[in-house]
């Protein structure tokens, strides 16, 4: 599990749980369940970091406030 803060909430419009990582712009995922959204966002976090490295972009350090909310 990454150390980035993850915010998970229910989206009535999408009929899914949405997981957002505020420290990584555009890093979001969804899932039919809370656990599925969390698992998906963990994958997206790794992909976000790999893409940033490939493009030579800075990778923010986790602030470490929350593991998930």
N, C-alpha and C. Protein backbone atom coordinates (compact mmCIF):
# COMPACT_ATOMS: atom_id res chain seq x y z
N UNK A 1 0.84 -1.18 0.00
CA UNK A 1 0.00 0.00 0.00
C UNK A 1 0.88 1.24 0.00
N UNK A 2 0.52 2.21 -0.80
CA UNK A 2 1.29 3.45 -0.85
C UNK A 2 1.04 4.29 0.39
N UNK A 3 1.81 5.33 0.55
CA UNK A 3 1.68 6.19 1.72
C UNK A 3 0.99 7.50 1.39
N UNK A 4 0.40 7.58 0.21
CA UNK A 4 -0.32 8.79 -0.17
C UNK A 4 -1.72 8.77 0.42
N UNK A 5 -2.20 9.95 0.76
CA UNK A 5 -3.57 10.08 1.26
C UNK A 5 -4.55 9.73 0.15
N UNK A 6 -5.54 8.92 0.48
CA UNK A 6 -6.58 8.52 -0.47
C UNK A 6 -7.93 8.91 0.12
N UNK A 7 -8.72 9.61 -0.67
CA UNK A 7 -10.07 9.98 -0.26
C UNK A 7 -11.05 9.14 -1.08
N UNK A 8 -11.92 8.43 -0.39
CA UNK A 8 -12.90 7.57 -1.07
C UNK A 8 -14.30 8.03 -0.70
N UNK A 9 -15.13 8.17 -1.71
CA UNK A 9 -16.52 8.60 -1.48
C UNK A 9 -17.43 7.95 -2.51
N UNK A 10 -18.71 7.91 -2.18
CA UNK A 10 -19.72 7.36 -3.08
C UNK A 10 -20.17 8.43 -4.05
N UNK A 11 -20.20 8.12 -5.34
CA UNK A 11 -20.71 9.04 -6.36
C UNK A 11 -22.06 8.53 -6.84
N UNK A 12 -23.09 9.29 -6.52
CA UNK A 12 -24.44 8.91 -6.95
C UNK A 12 -24.53 8.94 -8.48
N UNK A 13 -23.90 9.96 -9.10
CA UNK A 13 -23.93 10.08 -10.56
C UNK A 13 -23.29 8.88 -11.25
N UNK A 14 -22.17 8.42 -10.72
CA UNK A 14 -21.44 7.31 -11.32
C UNK A 14 -21.89 5.95 -10.80
N UNK A 15 -22.63 5.96 -9.68
CA UNK A 15 -23.03 4.71 -9.03
C UNK A 15 -21.81 3.84 -8.73
N UNK A 16 -20.79 4.51 -8.19
CA UNK A 16 -19.55 3.82 -7.86
C UNK A 16 -18.83 4.58 -6.75
N UNK A 17 -17.92 3.89 -6.08
CA UNK A 17 -17.03 4.55 -5.14
C UNK A 17 -15.89 5.18 -5.94
N UNK A 18 -15.55 6.41 -5.61
CA UNK A 18 -14.46 7.12 -6.27
C UNK A 18 -13.32 7.27 -5.27
N UNK A 19 -12.12 6.97 -5.70
CA UNK A 19 -10.91 7.12 -4.88
C UNK A 19 -10.02 8.16 -5.54
N UNK A 20 -9.70 9.21 -4.78
CA UNK A 20 -8.85 10.30 -5.29
C UNK A 20 -7.59 10.41 -4.44
N UNK A 21 -6.49 10.78 -5.09
CA UNK A 21 -5.21 11.00 -4.41
C UNK A 21 -4.87 12.47 -4.60
N UNK A 22 -5.20 13.31 -3.61
CA UNK A 22 -5.01 14.76 -3.77
C UNK A 22 -3.58 15.20 -4.09
N UNK A 23 -2.60 14.46 -3.60
CA UNK A 23 -1.20 14.84 -3.81
C UNK A 23 -0.68 14.54 -5.22
N UNK A 24 -1.42 13.71 -5.96
CA UNK A 24 -1.02 13.34 -7.31
C UNK A 24 -2.11 13.80 -8.28
N UNK A 25 -1.93 14.95 -8.90
CA UNK A 25 -2.97 15.52 -9.77
C UNK A 25 -3.49 14.53 -10.81
N UNK A 26 -4.82 14.41 -10.86
CA UNK A 26 -5.45 13.54 -11.84
C UNK A 26 -5.46 12.07 -11.48
N UNK A 27 -4.95 11.72 -10.32
CA UNK A 27 -4.86 10.33 -9.91
C UNK A 27 -6.15 9.92 -9.21
N UNK A 28 -7.02 9.24 -9.96
CA UNK A 28 -8.30 8.78 -9.43
C UNK A 28 -8.62 7.40 -9.98
N UNK A 29 -9.50 6.72 -9.28
CA UNK A 29 -9.99 5.41 -9.73
C UNK A 29 -11.38 5.22 -9.16
N UNK A 30 -12.06 4.19 -9.64
CA UNK A 30 -13.39 3.91 -9.10
C UNK A 30 -13.54 2.41 -8.90
N UNK A 31 -14.65 2.05 -8.26
CA UNK A 31 -14.93 0.64 -8.04
C UNK A 31 -16.35 0.46 -7.55
N UNK A 32 -16.86 -0.75 -7.70
CA UNK A 32 -18.22 -1.06 -7.26
C UNK A 32 -18.31 -1.10 -5.74
N UNK A 33 -17.18 -1.38 -5.08
CA UNK A 33 -17.12 -1.41 -3.62
C UNK A 33 -15.99 -0.50 -3.15
N UNK A 34 -16.03 -0.18 -1.88
CA UNK A 34 -14.97 0.63 -1.26
C UNK A 34 -13.61 -0.04 -1.47
N UNK A 35 -13.56 -1.34 -1.19
CA UNK A 35 -12.31 -2.10 -1.30
C UNK A 35 -11.82 -2.15 -2.75
N UNK A 36 -12.74 -2.28 -3.69
CA UNK A 36 -12.35 -2.32 -5.10
C UNK A 36 -11.78 -0.98 -5.54
N UNK A 37 -12.40 0.11 -5.11
CA UNK A 37 -11.89 1.44 -5.46
C UNK A 37 -10.49 1.64 -4.89
N UNK A 38 -10.27 1.19 -3.65
CA UNK A 38 -8.96 1.31 -3.03
C UNK A 38 -7.92 0.47 -3.78
N UNK A 39 -8.27 -0.74 -4.14
CA UNK A 39 -7.34 -1.60 -4.90
C UNK A 39 -7.01 -0.98 -6.25
N UNK A 40 -8.01 -0.45 -6.92
CA UNK A 40 -7.77 0.17 -8.24
C UNK A 40 -6.88 1.40 -8.12
N UNK A 41 -7.12 2.22 -7.09
CA UNK A 41 -6.32 3.44 -6.98
C UNK A 41 -4.86 3.11 -6.63
N UNK A 42 -4.62 2.02 -5.92
CA UNK A 42 -3.24 1.61 -5.64
C UNK A 42 -2.50 1.33 -6.96
N UNK A 43 -3.17 0.68 -7.89
CA UNK A 43 -2.59 0.42 -9.20
C UNK A 43 -2.33 1.73 -9.95
N UNK A 44 -3.31 2.63 -9.90
CA UNK A 44 -3.19 3.91 -10.60
C UNK A 44 -2.06 4.76 -10.00
N UNK A 45 -1.88 4.69 -8.68
CA UNK A 45 -0.77 5.43 -8.04
C UNK A 45 0.56 4.95 -8.61
N UNK A 46 0.75 3.65 -8.70
CA UNK A 46 2.00 3.11 -9.24
C UNK A 46 2.21 3.53 -10.70
N UNK A 47 1.13 3.50 -11.48
CA UNK A 47 1.21 3.93 -12.88
C UNK A 47 1.52 5.42 -12.98
N UNK A 48 0.92 6.23 -12.09
CA UNK A 48 1.16 7.67 -12.08
C UNK A 48 2.64 7.94 -11.82
N UNK A 49 3.20 7.25 -10.83
CA UNK A 49 4.61 7.44 -10.46
C UNK A 49 5.52 6.99 -11.60
N UNK A 50 5.24 5.84 -12.21
CA UNK A 50 6.05 5.35 -13.33
C UNK A 50 6.02 6.32 -14.50
N UNK A 51 4.85 6.88 -14.80
CA UNK A 51 4.72 7.83 -15.91
C UNK A 51 5.50 9.11 -15.59
N UNK A 52 5.38 9.61 -14.36
CA UNK A 52 6.12 10.81 -13.97
C UNK A 52 7.62 10.60 -14.11
N UNK A 53 8.11 9.42 -13.70
CA UNK A 53 9.54 9.11 -13.83
C UNK A 53 9.95 9.09 -15.30
N UNK A 54 9.14 8.44 -16.14
CA UNK A 54 9.44 8.35 -17.57
C UNK A 54 9.50 9.73 -18.22
N UNK A 55 8.67 10.65 -17.74
CA UNK A 55 8.61 12.00 -18.31
C UNK A 55 9.56 12.98 -17.62
N UNK A 56 10.27 12.50 -16.60
CA UNK A 56 11.21 13.36 -15.88
C UNK A 56 10.51 14.40 -15.01
N UNK A 57 9.29 14.11 -14.60
CA UNK A 57 8.53 15.04 -13.75
C UNK A 57 8.76 14.73 -12.28
N UNK A 58 8.65 15.75 -11.42
CA UNK A 58 8.84 15.51 -9.99
C UNK A 58 7.71 14.65 -9.42
N UNK A 59 8.06 13.86 -8.43
CA UNK A 59 7.09 13.01 -7.75
C UNK A 59 6.96 13.53 -6.32
N UNK A 60 5.78 14.01 -5.95
CA UNK A 60 5.61 14.55 -4.60
C UNK A 60 5.85 13.48 -3.53
N UNK A 61 6.46 13.91 -2.44
CA UNK A 61 6.63 13.03 -1.29
C UNK A 61 5.29 12.91 -0.58
N UNK A 62 4.92 11.72 -0.11
CA UNK A 62 3.67 11.59 0.65
C UNK A 62 3.73 12.43 1.92
N UNK A 63 2.65 13.11 2.21
CA UNK A 63 2.59 13.93 3.44
C UNK A 63 2.36 13.07 4.66
N UNK A 64 1.79 11.88 4.45
CA UNK A 64 1.64 10.95 5.54
C UNK A 64 0.55 11.28 6.54
N UNK A 65 -0.43 12.09 6.13
CA UNK A 65 -1.51 12.44 7.06
C UNK A 65 -2.43 11.26 7.31
N UNK A 66 -2.91 10.64 6.24
CA UNK A 66 -3.84 9.52 6.35
C UNK A 66 -3.47 8.45 5.36
N UNK A 67 -3.73 7.22 5.71
CA UNK A 67 -3.56 6.12 4.75
C UNK A 67 -4.76 6.08 3.83
N UNK A 68 -5.95 6.29 4.37
CA UNK A 68 -7.18 6.41 3.58
C UNK A 68 -8.22 7.09 4.44
N UNK A 69 -9.23 7.64 3.77
CA UNK A 69 -10.28 8.36 4.49
C UNK A 69 -11.63 7.84 4.08
